[in-house]
């Protein structure tokens, strides 16, 4: 029993770390695929504040993908490595990333439509999808 608990804890830690790395990687790639508006630096909070009115919906594609895919990969790894209670493990990762998303809402300016879309669809649903993928295979 105790080995299962330790394995689940390790699975959550590894899943959260890998999901975070995937998230950051997609954000970095996104800045090359969809360039920021001319003269705007999106690497700082101040730059994001200054660019608030210049960003178009296309600029929010990679942030959404980063959040959704980071959560999916992190939760999938967690449920693969975890010993039991896989739905709970996936939801832990989903809630962990959701808390990060909620914190980002207060730090990074984004339009209301994106905040609602991101918080509603990128975290818990993709964690649940990871659980379903693991269950199927």
Protein backbone atom coordinates (compact mmCIF):
# COMPACT_ATOMS: atom_id res chain seq x y z
CA UNK A 1 0.00 0.00 0.00
CA UNK A 2 2.71 2.50 0.94
CA UNK A 3 4.64 1.80 -2.27
CA UNK A 4 1.52 2.78 -4.22
CA UNK A 5 1.25 6.08 -2.37
CA UNK A 6 4.92 6.90 -2.93
CA UNK A 7 4.62 5.95 -6.59
CA UNK A 8 1.55 8.18 -6.99
CA UNK A 9 3.31 11.12 -5.35
CA UNK A 10 6.32 10.67 -7.63
CA UNK A 11 3.98 10.38 -10.63
CA UNK A 12 2.32 13.70 -9.76
CA UNK A 13 5.66 15.46 -9.27
CA UNK A 14 7.06 14.14 -12.56
CA UNK A 15 3.81 14.87 -14.41
CA UNK A 16 3.67 18.45 -13.14
CA UNK A 17 7.30 19.06 -14.06
CA UNK A 18 7.00 17.59 -17.55
CA UNK A 19 3.69 19.37 -18.17
CA UNK A 20 5.29 22.66 -17.16
CA UNK A 21 8.23 22.07 -19.50
CA UNK A 22 5.88 21.24 -22.36
CA UNK A 23 3.88 24.39 -21.59
CA UNK A 24 6.98 26.59 -21.68
CA UNK A 25 8.28 24.92 -24.84
CA UNK A 26 5.04 25.51 -26.73
CA UNK A 27 4.96 29.15 -25.61
CA UNK A 28 8.53 29.60 -26.90
CA UNK A 29 7.78 27.93 -30.23
CA UNK A 30 4.60 29.99 -30.56
CA UNK A 31 6.53 33.25 -30.46
CA UNK A 32 8.44 32.13 -33.55
CA UNK A 33 5.42 30.78 -35.43
CA UNK A 34 3.15 33.76 -34.71
CA UNK A 35 5.30 36.86 -34.28
CA UNK A 36 4.26 39.56 -31.85
CA UNK A 37 3.05 42.90 -33.21
CA UNK A 38 5.84 45.16 -34.45
CA UNK A 39 7.72 46.90 -31.66
CA UNK A 40 6.15 44.81 -28.89
CA UNK A 41 8.09 42.75 -26.37
CA UNK A 42 5.90 39.93 -25.05
CA UNK A 43 8.61 38.50 -22.80
CA UNK A 44 7.88 40.88 -19.90
CA UNK A 45 4.76 41.76 -17.95
CA UNK A 46 5.24 45.41 -18.88
CA UNK A 47 5.47 44.48 -22.57
CA UNK A 48 2.31 42.41 -22.29
CA UNK A 49 0.50 45.33 -20.63
CA UNK A 50 1.65 47.67 -23.41
CA UNK A 51 0.57 45.20 -26.11
CA UNK A 52 -2.87 44.54 -24.64
CA UNK A 53 -4.76 46.44 -27.34
CA UNK A 54 -2.54 45.21 -30.17
CA UNK A 55 -2.95 41.47 -29.70
CA UNK A 56 -5.36 39.67 -31.99
CA UNK A 57 -7.06 36.30 -31.43
CA UNK A 58 -4.27 34.56 -33.38
CA UNK A 59 -1.81 35.58 -30.65
CA UNK A 60 -3.73 33.48 -28.12
CA UNK A 61 -3.61 30.20 -30.06
CA UNK A 62 -0.26 29.06 -28.70
CA UNK A 63 -0.96 30.08 -25.10
CA UNK A 64 -4.14 27.98 -25.19
CA UNK A 65 -2.32 25.06 -26.84
CA UNK A 66 0.48 25.34 -24.27
CA UNK A 67 -1.96 25.17 -21.39
CA UNK A 68 -4.04 22.35 -22.86
CA UNK A 69 -1.19 20.19 -24.17
CA UNK A 70 0.97 20.83 -21.09
CA UNK A 71 -1.90 19.65 -18.91
CA UNK A 72 -2.63 16.68 -21.18
CA UNK A 73 0.97 15.46 -21.28
CA UNK A 74 1.53 16.05 -17.57
CA UNK A 75 -1.67 14.24 -16.61
CA UNK A 76 -1.03 11.43 -19.09
CA UNK A 77 2.44 10.78 -17.70
CA UNK A 78 1.00 10.91 -14.18
CA UNK A 79 -1.69 8.32 -14.90
CA UNK A 80 0.81 6.08 -16.72
CA UNK A 81 3.32 6.16 -13.86
CA UNK A 82 0.74 6.19 -11.06
CA UNK A 83 -0.19 2.91 -9.41
CA UNK A 84 -3.90 3.44 -8.75
CA UNK A 85 -6.60 6.12 -8.42
CA UNK A 86 -5.68 7.37 -11.85
CA UNK A 87 -8.65 9.70 -12.29
CA UNK A 88 -7.75 11.41 -9.02
CA UNK A 89 -4.12 11.71 -10.17
CA UNK A 90 -5.17 13.24 -13.48
CA UNK A 91 -7.44 15.71 -11.68
CA UNK A 92 -4.62 16.70 -9.32
CA UNK A 93 -2.56 17.69 -12.35
CA UNK A 94 -5.56 19.42 -13.92
CA UNK A 95 -6.22 21.43 -10.75
CA UNK A 96 -2.52 22.23 -10.35
CA UNK A 97 -2.41 23.71 -13.85
CA UNK A 98 -5.80 25.39 -13.36
CA UNK A 99 -4.43 27.18 -10.28
CA UNK A 100 -1.51 28.34 -12.43
CA UNK A 101 -3.97 29.55 -15.06
CA UNK A 102 -6.00 31.46 -12.46
CA UNK A 103 -2.81 33.06 -11.14
CA UNK A 104 -1.84 34.02 -14.70
CA UNK A 105 -5.18 35.81 -15.14
CA UNK A 106 -4.10 38.25 -12.43
CA UNK A 107 -0.56 38.70 -13.78
CA UNK A 108 -0.89 38.57 -17.57
CA UNK A 109 -3.40 40.73 -19.41
CA UNK A 110 -5.75 38.81 -21.70
CA UNK A 111 -9.19 39.45 -23.15
CA UNK A 112 -12.14 38.11 -21.20
CA UNK A 113 -13.11 35.67 -23.97
CA UNK A 114 -9.66 34.06 -23.76
CA UNK A 115 -9.69 33.86 -19.96
CA UNK A 116 -13.06 32.10 -20.00
CA UNK A 117 -12.05 29.74 -22.82
CA UNK A 118 -8.70 28.94 -21.25
CA UNK A 119 -9.93 28.33 -17.71
CA UNK A 120 -12.98 26.35 -18.84
CA UNK A 121 -11.40 24.13 -21.49
CA UNK A 122 -7.60 23.88 -21.17
CA UNK A 123 -7.12 22.30 -17.77
CA UNK A 124 -9.72 19.97 -16.25
CA UNK A 125 -11.07 18.69 -19.60
CA UNK A 126 -7.57 17.86 -20.86
CA UNK A 127 -6.65 16.17 -17.58
CA UNK A 128 -9.82 14.08 -17.92
CA UNK A 129 -8.87 13.32 -21.55
CA UNK A 130 -5.48 12.05 -20.36
CA UNK A 131 -7.25 9.70 -17.96
CA UNK A 132 -9.53 8.44 -20.75
CA UNK A 133 -6.58 7.92 -23.12
CA UNK A 134 -4.74 5.89 -20.45
CA UNK A 135 -7.87 3.88 -19.70
CA UNK A 136 -8.34 3.05 -23.39
CA UNK A 137 -4.77 1.80 -23.84
